[in-house]
Amino acid sequence: MKRVYIVHGWEGSPDEPMHKWLKKQLEEKGFKVFALKMPDPSLPRRNKWIDYLNKEIKNPDENTYFIGHSLGCQTILRWLKQLPDRIKIGGVVLIAPWLELDEKTIEEENWSDKEFEIAKPWFESINFSKCAKHCKKFVCIFSDNDPFIPLSKTKIFKDKLNAEIIIEKNKGHFDIGSGIKDNPMALKKLLEISN
């Protein structure tokens, strides 16, 4: 049976409307879906999040798929790169994939020292070539008005992962604050890469 793991972002939850909608839609199509509740989402420690995926994902294989949102995307990529070479998964859909923040955004977020300390390990570079060894099908969905992810970031995913890049109109950060309750494009792309 094909399995899908949905990984939310910083301050996120599996109960966000988009995640619940994706889970329901995929279950109706016969997938076994796990909408993960990541540990301490308001202060997401990188190693704890990756360890949590290691604990929750048993025997990943070519019938294993992921949908990540924001920091959840980076969590999936960091989890992928540490897998043994022999393991291959089916595919990954990344929604508003968060890699780094510029100084302006950090100032606007008005982070405490503790929040910045938590964020800092997430800024370390990712070995994309190791990620690509474990998965050949990546789709990245961006919004043209995301306040955190500039469209200039699409290039790294195209160049490093050979990802299909999709740019949606007026979806913000694909979160509750942007009024997002579903994501038909993410559903469509997951169905395509799992066929």
C-alpha atoms as a PDB file:
ATOM      1  CA  MET A   1       0.000   0.000   0.000  1.00  0.00           C
ATOM      2  CA  LYS A   2       1.226   3.496  -0.829  1.00  0.00           C
ATOM      3  CA  ARG A   3       1.928   5.662   2.208  1.00  0.00           C
ATOM      4  CA  VAL A   4       2.011   9.438   2.452  1.00  0.00           C
ATOM      5  CA  TYR A   5       3.566  11.365   5.329  1.00  0.00           C
ATOM      6  CA  ILE A   6       2.458  14.972   5.759  1.00  0.00           C
ATOM      7  CA  VAL A   7       4.968  17.127   7.654  1.00  0.00           C
ATOM      8  CA  HIS A   8       3.809  20.542   8.884  1.00  0.00           C
ATOM      9  CA  GLY A   9       5.986  23.583   9.470  1.00  0.00           C
ATOM     10  CA  TRP A  10       7.135  25.831  12.307  1.00  0.00           C
ATOM     11  CA  GLU A  11       4.203  26.565  14.648  1.00  0.00           C
ATOM     12  CA  GLY A  12       2.159  24.232  12.445  1.00  0.00           C
ATOM     13  CA  SER A  13      -0.086  21.296  13.179  1.00  0.00           C
ATOM     14  CA  PRO A  14      -1.579  18.279  11.405  1.00  0.00           C
ATOM     15  CA  ASP A  15      -4.937  19.883  12.244  1.00  0.00           C
ATOM     16  CA  GLU A  16      -4.406  22.815   9.885  1.00  0.00           C
ATOM     17  CA  PRO A  17      -7.184  22.848   7.270  1.00  0.00           C
ATOM     18  CA  MET A  18      -4.868  22.211   4.292  1.00  0.00           C
ATOM     19  CA  HIS A  19      -3.271  19.180   5.955  1.00  0.00           C
ATOM     20  CA  LYS A  20      -6.621  17.735   7.032  1.00  0.00           C
ATOM     21  CA  TRP A  21      -8.010  18.250   3.519  1.00  0.00           C
ATOM     22  CA  LEU A  22      -5.006  16.570   1.871  1.00  0.00           C
ATOM     23  CA  LYS A  23      -5.197  13.637   4.297  1.00  0.00           C
ATOM     24  CA  LYS A  24      -8.905  13.097   3.612  1.00  0.00           C
ATOM     25  CA  GLN A  25      -8.511  13.375  -0.167  1.00  0.00           C
ATOM     26  CA  LEU A  26      -5.577  10.952  -0.271  1.00  0.00           C
ATOM     27  CA  GLU A  27      -7.296   8.429   2.004  1.00  0.00           C
ATOM     28  CA  GLU A  28     -10.301   8.479  -0.314  1.00  0.00           C
ATOM     29  CA  LYS A  29      -7.899   7.572  -3.141  1.00  0.00           C
ATOM     30  CA  GLY A  30      -6.600   4.547  -1.215  1.00  0.00           C
ATOM     31  CA  PHE A  31      -3.414   5.900   0.369  1.00  0.00           C
ATOM     32  CA  LYS A  32      -2.431   5.236   3.977  1.00  0.00           C
ATOM     33  CA  VAL A  33      -1.817   8.770   5.251  1.00  0.00           C
ATOM     34  CA  PHE A  34       0.090   9.896   8.332  1.00  0.00           C
ATOM     35  CA  ALA A  35      -0.283  13.578   9.208  1.00  0.00           C
ATOM     36  CA  LEU A  36       2.562  13.848  11.683  1.00  0.00           C
ATOM     37  CA  LYS A  37       2.433  15.992  14.806  1.00  0.00           C
ATOM     38  CA  MET A  38       5.993  17.220  14.995  1.00  0.00           C
ATOM     39  CA  PRO A  39       7.527  17.757  18.462  1.00  0.00           C
ATOM     40  CA  ASP A  40       7.342  21.224  20.007  1.00  0.00           C
ATOM     41  CA  PRO A  41       6.359  23.053  16.790  1.00  0.00           C
ATOM     42  CA  SER A  42       6.729  26.508  18.348  1.00  0.00           C
ATOM     43  CA  LEU A  43      10.434  25.796  19.051  1.00  0.00           C
ATOM     44  CA  PRO A  44      11.363  23.202  16.412  1.00  0.00           C
ATOM     45  CA  ARG A  45      14.774  21.736  17.136  1.00  0.00           C
ATOM     46  CA  ARG A  46      16.258  20.312  13.967  1.00  0.00           C
ATOM     47  CA  ASN A  47      17.650  17.090  15.412  1.00  0.00           C
ATOM     48  CA  LYS A  48      14.430  16.360  17.305  1.00  0.00           C
ATOM     49  CA  TRP A  49      12.379  16.742  14.133  1.00  0.00           C
ATOM     50  CA  ILE A  50      14.656  14.467  12.102  1.00  0.00           C
ATOM     51  CA  ASP A  51      14.761  11.912  14.933  1.00  0.00           C
ATOM     52  CA  TYR A  52      10.970  12.009  15.029  1.00  0.00           C
ATOM     53  CA  LEU A  53      10.795  11.111  11.326  1.00  0.00           C
ATOM     54  CA  ASN A  54      13.269   8.279  11.939  1.00  0.00           C
ATOM     55  CA  LYS A  55      10.980   6.959  14.674  1.00  0.00           C
ATOM     56  CA  GLU A  56       7.707   7.341  12.757  1.00  0.00           C
ATOM     57  CA  ILE A  57       8.722   6.166   9.276  1.00  0.00           C
ATOM     58  CA  LYS A  58       9.235   2.426   9.214  1.00  0.00           C
ATOM     59  CA  ASN A  59      10.785   0.709   6.197  1.00  0.00           C
ATOM     60  CA  PRO A  60      10.695   3.598   3.703  1.00  0.00           C
ATOM     61  CA  ASP A  61      10.541   2.373   0.117  1.00  0.00           C
ATOM     62  CA  GLU A  62       9.324   3.338  -3.349  1.00  0.00           C
ATOM     63  CA  ASN A  63       5.724   3.287  -2.064  1.00  0.00           C
ATOM     64  CA  THR A  64       6.572   6.010   0.482  1.00  0.00           C
ATOM     65  CA  TYR A  65       5.685   9.621  -0.372  1.00  0.00           C
ATOM     66  CA  PHE A  66       5.877  12.944   1.417  1.00  0.00           C
ATOM     67  CA  ILE A  67       4.101  16.267   1.448  1.00  0.00           C
ATOM     68  CA  GLY A  68       5.923  18.959   3.375  1.00  0.00           C
ATOM     69  CA  HIS A  69       4.964  22.516   4.196  1.00  0.00           C
ATOM     70  CA  SER A  70       7.438  25.303   4.994  1.00  0.00           C
ATOM     71  CA  LEU A  71       9.942  24.015   7.582  1.00  0.00           C
ATOM     72  CA  GLY A  72       8.460  20.538   7.099  1.00  0.00           C
ATOM     73  CA  CYS A  73      10.016  20.566   3.616  1.00  0.00           C
ATOM     74  CA  GLN A  74      13.483  21.098   4.993  1.00  0.00           C
ATOM     75  CA  THR A  75      12.847  18.410   7.614  1.00  0.00           C
ATOM     76  CA  ILE A  76      12.035  15.905   4.855  1.00  0.00           C
ATOM     77  CA  LEU A  77      15.153  16.848   2.871  1.00  0.00           C
ATOM     78  CA  ARG A  78      17.413  16.561   5.925  1.00  0.00           C
ATOM     79  CA  TRP A  79      15.827  13.189   6.766  1.00  0.00           C
ATOM     80  CA  LEU A  80      16.357  11.968   3.189  1.00  0.00           C
ATOM     81  CA  LYS A  81      20.043  12.857   3.097  1.00  0.00           C
ATOM     82  CA  GLN A  82      20.836  10.709   6.144  1.00  0.00           C
ATOM     83  CA  LEU A  83      19.219   7.522   4.795  1.00  0.00           C
ATOM     84  CA  PRO A  84      21.355   4.522   3.834  1.00  0.00           C
ATOM     85  CA  ASP A  85      22.294   4.626   0.128  1.00  0.00           C
ATOM     86  CA  ARG A  86      20.143   1.611  -0.801  1.00  0.00           C
ATOM     87  CA  ILE A  87      16.840   3.249   0.275  1.00  0.00           C
ATOM     88  CA  LYS A  88      14.736   4.934  -2.407  1.00  0.00           C
ATOM     89  CA  ILE A  89      11.373   6.589  -1.842  1.00  0.00           C
ATOM     90  CA  GLY A  90       8.571   7.316  -4.301  1.00  0.00           C
ATOM     91  CA  GLY A  91       8.410  11.103  -4.313  1.00  0.00           C
ATOM     92  CA  VAL A  92       8.114  14.395  -2.459  1.00  0.00           C
ATOM     93  CA  VAL A  93       5.813  17.405  -2.831  1.00  0.00           C
ATOM     94  CA  LEU A  94       7.220  20.511  -1.145  1.00  0.00           C
ATOM     95  CA  ILE A  95       4.810  23.378  -0.437  1.00  0.00           C
ATOM     96  CA  ALA A  96       6.431  26.778   0.272  1.00  0.00           C
ATOM     97  CA  PRO A  97       9.796  25.108   0.908  1.00  0.00           C
ATOM     98  CA  TRP A  98      11.719  27.079   3.493  1.00  0.00           C
ATOM     99  CA  LEU A  99      15.517  27.016   3.317  1.00  0.00           C
ATOM    100  CA  GLU A 100      16.715  30.286   4.769  1.00  0.00           C
ATOM    101  CA  LEU A 101      15.608  33.699   5.917  1.00  0.00           C
ATOM    102  CA  ASP A 102      17.168  36.989   5.027  1.00  0.00           C
ATOM    103  CA  GLU A 103      18.066  39.603   7.632  1.00  0.00           C
ATOM    104  CA  LYS A 104      14.994  41.690   6.789  1.00  0.00           C
ATOM    105  CA  THR A 105      12.638  38.799   7.513  1.00  0.00           C
ATOM    106  CA  ILE A 106      14.449  37.952  10.745  1.00  0.00           C
ATOM    107  CA  GLU A 107      14.038  41.579  11.874  1.00  0.00           C
ATOM    108  CA  GLU A 108      10.347  41.581  10.909  1.00  0.00           C
ATOM    109  CA  GLU A 109       9.769  38.330  12.814  1.00  0.00           C
ATOM    110  CA  ASN A 110      11.286  40.013  15.895  1.00  0.00           C
ATOM    111  CA  TRP A 111      12.674  36.708  17.160  1.00  0.00           C
ATOM    112  CA  SER A 112      13.905  36.279  20.688  1.00  0.00           C
ATOM    113  CA  ASP A 113      17.465  35.050  21.213  1.00  0.00           C
ATOM    114  CA  LYS A 114      16.055  31.590  21.962  1.00  0.00           C
ATOM    115  CA  GLU A 115      14.054  31.501  18.708  1.00  0.00           C
ATOM    116  CA  PHE A 116      17.096  32.575  16.724  1.00  0.00           C
ATOM    117  CA  GLU A 117      19.185  29.887  18.455  1.00  0.00           C
ATOM    118  CA  ILE A 118      16.565  27.290  17.432  1.00  0.00           C
ATOM    119  CA  ALA A 119      16.461  28.580  13.838  1.00  0.00           C
ATOM    120  CA  LYS A 120      20.227  28.735  13.330  1.00  0.00           C
ATOM    121  CA  PRO A 121      20.851  24.987  12.674  1.00  0.00           C
ATOM    122  CA  TRP A 122      18.137  25.077  10.013  1.00  0.00           C
ATOM    123  CA  PHE A 123      20.226  27.633   8.080  1.00  0.00           C
ATOM    124  CA  GLU A 124      23.074  25.149   7.576  1.00  0.00           C
ATOM    125  CA  SER A 125      23.378  23.970   3.995  1.00  0.00           C
ATOM    126  CA  ILE A 126      21.702  20.781   2.793  1.00  0.00           C
ATOM    127  CA  ASN A 127      23.507  18.189   0.707  1.00  0.00           C
ATOM    128  CA  PHE A 128      20.987  18.108  -2.146  1.00  0.00           C
ATOM    129  CA  SER A 129      22.913  15.476  -4.097  1.00  0.00           C
ATOM    130  CA  LYS A 130      22.420  13.039  -1.205  1.00  0.00           C
ATOM    131  CA  CYS A 131      18.697  13.857  -1.147  1.00  0.00           C
ATOM    132  CA  ALA A 132      18.455  13.216  -4.879  1.00  0.00           C
ATOM    133  CA  LYS A 133      20.032   9.755  -4.474  1.00  0.00           C
ATOM    134  CA  HIS A 134      17.005   8.683  -2.463  1.00  0.00           C
ATOM    135  CA  CYS A 135      14.261  10.249  -4.560  1.00  0.00           C
ATOM    136  CA  LYS A 136      13.924  11.142  -8.235  1.00  0.00           C
ATOM    137  CA  LYS A 137      10.514  12.828  -8.135  1.00  0.00           C
ATOM    138  CA  PHE A 138      10.351  16.233  -6.484  1.00  0.00           C
ATOM    139  CA  VAL A 139       7.647  18.845  -6.988  1.00  0.00           C
ATOM    140  CA  CYS A 140       7.940  22.302  -5.390  1.00  0.00           C
ATOM    141  CA  ILE A 141       4.898  24.552  -5.110  1.00  0.00           C
ATOM    142  CA  PHE A 142       5.489  28.247  -4.493  1.00  0.00           C
ATOM    143  CA  SER A 143       3.225  31.282  -4.280  1.00  0.00           C
ATOM    144  CA  ASP A 144       3.911  34.537  -6.086  1.00  0.00           C
ATOM    145  CA  ASN A 145       3.131  36.494  -2.903  1.00  0.00           C
ATOM    146  CA  ASP A 146       4.720  34.369  -0.168  1.00  0.00           C
ATOM    147  CA  PRO A 147       6.072  36.788   2.471  1.00  0.00           C
ATOM    148  CA  PHE A 148       8.820  34.324   3.511  1.00  0.00           C
ATOM    149  CA  ILE A 149       9.883  32.483   0.346  1.00  0.00           C
ATOM    150  CA  PRO A 150      10.967  34.680  -2.586  1.00  0.00           C
ATOM    151  CA  LEU A 151      10.545  33.189  -6.057  1.00  0.00           C
ATOM    152  CA  SER A 152      14.304  33.447  -6.534  1.00  0.00           C
ATOM    153  CA  LYS A 153      14.485  30.320  -4.325  1.00  0.00           C
ATOM    154  CA  THR A 154      12.864  28.202  -7.045  1.00  0.00           C
ATOM    155  CA  LYS A 155      16.196  27.962  -8.865  1.00  0.00           C
ATOM    156  CA  ILE A 156      17.990  25.949  -6.194  1.00  0.00           C
ATOM    157  CA  PHE A 157      15.269  23.276  -6.217  1.00  0.00           C
ATOM    158  CA  LYS A 158      15.240  23.099 -10.009  1.00  0.00           C
ATOM    159  CA  ASP A 159      19.031  22.986 -10.261  1.00  0.00           C
ATOM    160  CA  LYS A 160      19.830  20.724  -7.300  1.00  0.00           C
ATOM    161  CA  LEU A 161      16.847  18.326  -7.256  1.00  0.00           C
ATOM    162  CA  ASN A 162      15.595  18.613 -10.827  1.00  0.00           C
ATOM    163  CA  ALA A 163      12.267  19.469  -9.203  1.00  0.00           C
ATOM    164  CA  GLU A 164       9.172  20.418 -11.119  1.00  0.00           C
ATOM    165  CA  ILE A 165       8.455  24.020 -10.113  1.00  0.00           C
ATOM    166  CA  ILE A 166       4.900  25.307  -9.833  1.00  0.00           C
ATOM    167  CA  ILE A 167       4.061  28.914  -8.992  1.00  0.00           C
ATOM    168  CA  GLU A 168       0.544  29.525  -7.713  1.00  0.00           C
ATOM    169  CA  LYS A 169      -1.112  32.951  -7.631  1.00  0.00           C
ATOM    170  CA  ASN A 170      -1.968  34.732  -4.371  1.00  0.00           C
ATOM    171  CA  LYS A 171      -1.584  31.775  -1.982  1.00  0.00           C
ATOM    172  CA  GLY A 172       0.682  33.577   0.497  1.00  0.00           C
ATOM    173  CA  HIS A 173       2.565  31.033   2.607  1.00  0.00           C
ATOM    174  CA  PHE A 174      -0.153  28.385   2.020  1.00  0.00           C
ATOM    175  CA  ASP A 175      -1.150  28.694   5.670  1.00  0.00           C
ATOM    176  CA  ILE A 176      -4.162  29.611   7.777  1.00  0.00           C
ATOM    177  CA  GLY A 177      -3.089  33.263   7.782  1.00  0.00           C
ATOM    178  CA  SER A 178      -3.269  33.188   3.972  1.00  0.00           C
ATOM    179  CA  GLY A 179      -6.780  31.706   4.109  1.00  0.00           C
ATOM    180  CA  ILE A 180      -5.693  28.355   2.640  1.00  0.00           C
ATOM    181  CA  LYS A 181      -8.016  25.450   3.431  1.00  0.00           C
ATOM    182  CA  ASP A 182      -7.066  23.019   0.667  1.00  0.00           C
ATOM    183  CA  ASN A 183      -4.393  22.484  -1.947  1.00  0.00           C
ATOM    184  CA  PRO A 184      -5.685  20.861  -5.144  1.00  0.00           C
ATOM    185  CA  MET A 185      -2.312  21.346  -6.868  1.00  0.00           C
ATOM    186  CA  ALA A 186      -0.431  19.414  -4.159  1.00  0.00           C
ATOM    187  CA  LEU A 187      -3.026  16.640  -4.393  1.00  0.00           C
ATOM    188  CA  LYS A 188      -2.790  16.535  -8.183  1.00  0.00           C
ATOM    189  CA  LYS A 189       1.009  16.397  -8.146  1.00  0.00           C
ATOM    190  CA  LEU A 190       1.170  13.703  -5.454  1.00  0.00           C
ATOM    191  CA  LEU A 191      -1.227  11.581  -7.503  1.00  0.00           C
ATOM    192  CA  GLU A 192       0.890  12.134 -10.630  1.00  0.00           C
ATOM    193  CA  ILE A 193       4.206  11.180  -9.040  1.00  0.00           C
ATOM    194  CA  SER A 194       2.690   8.121  -7.361  1.00  0.00           C
ATOM    195  CA  ASN A 195       1.392   6.654 -10.645  1.00  0.00           C
END
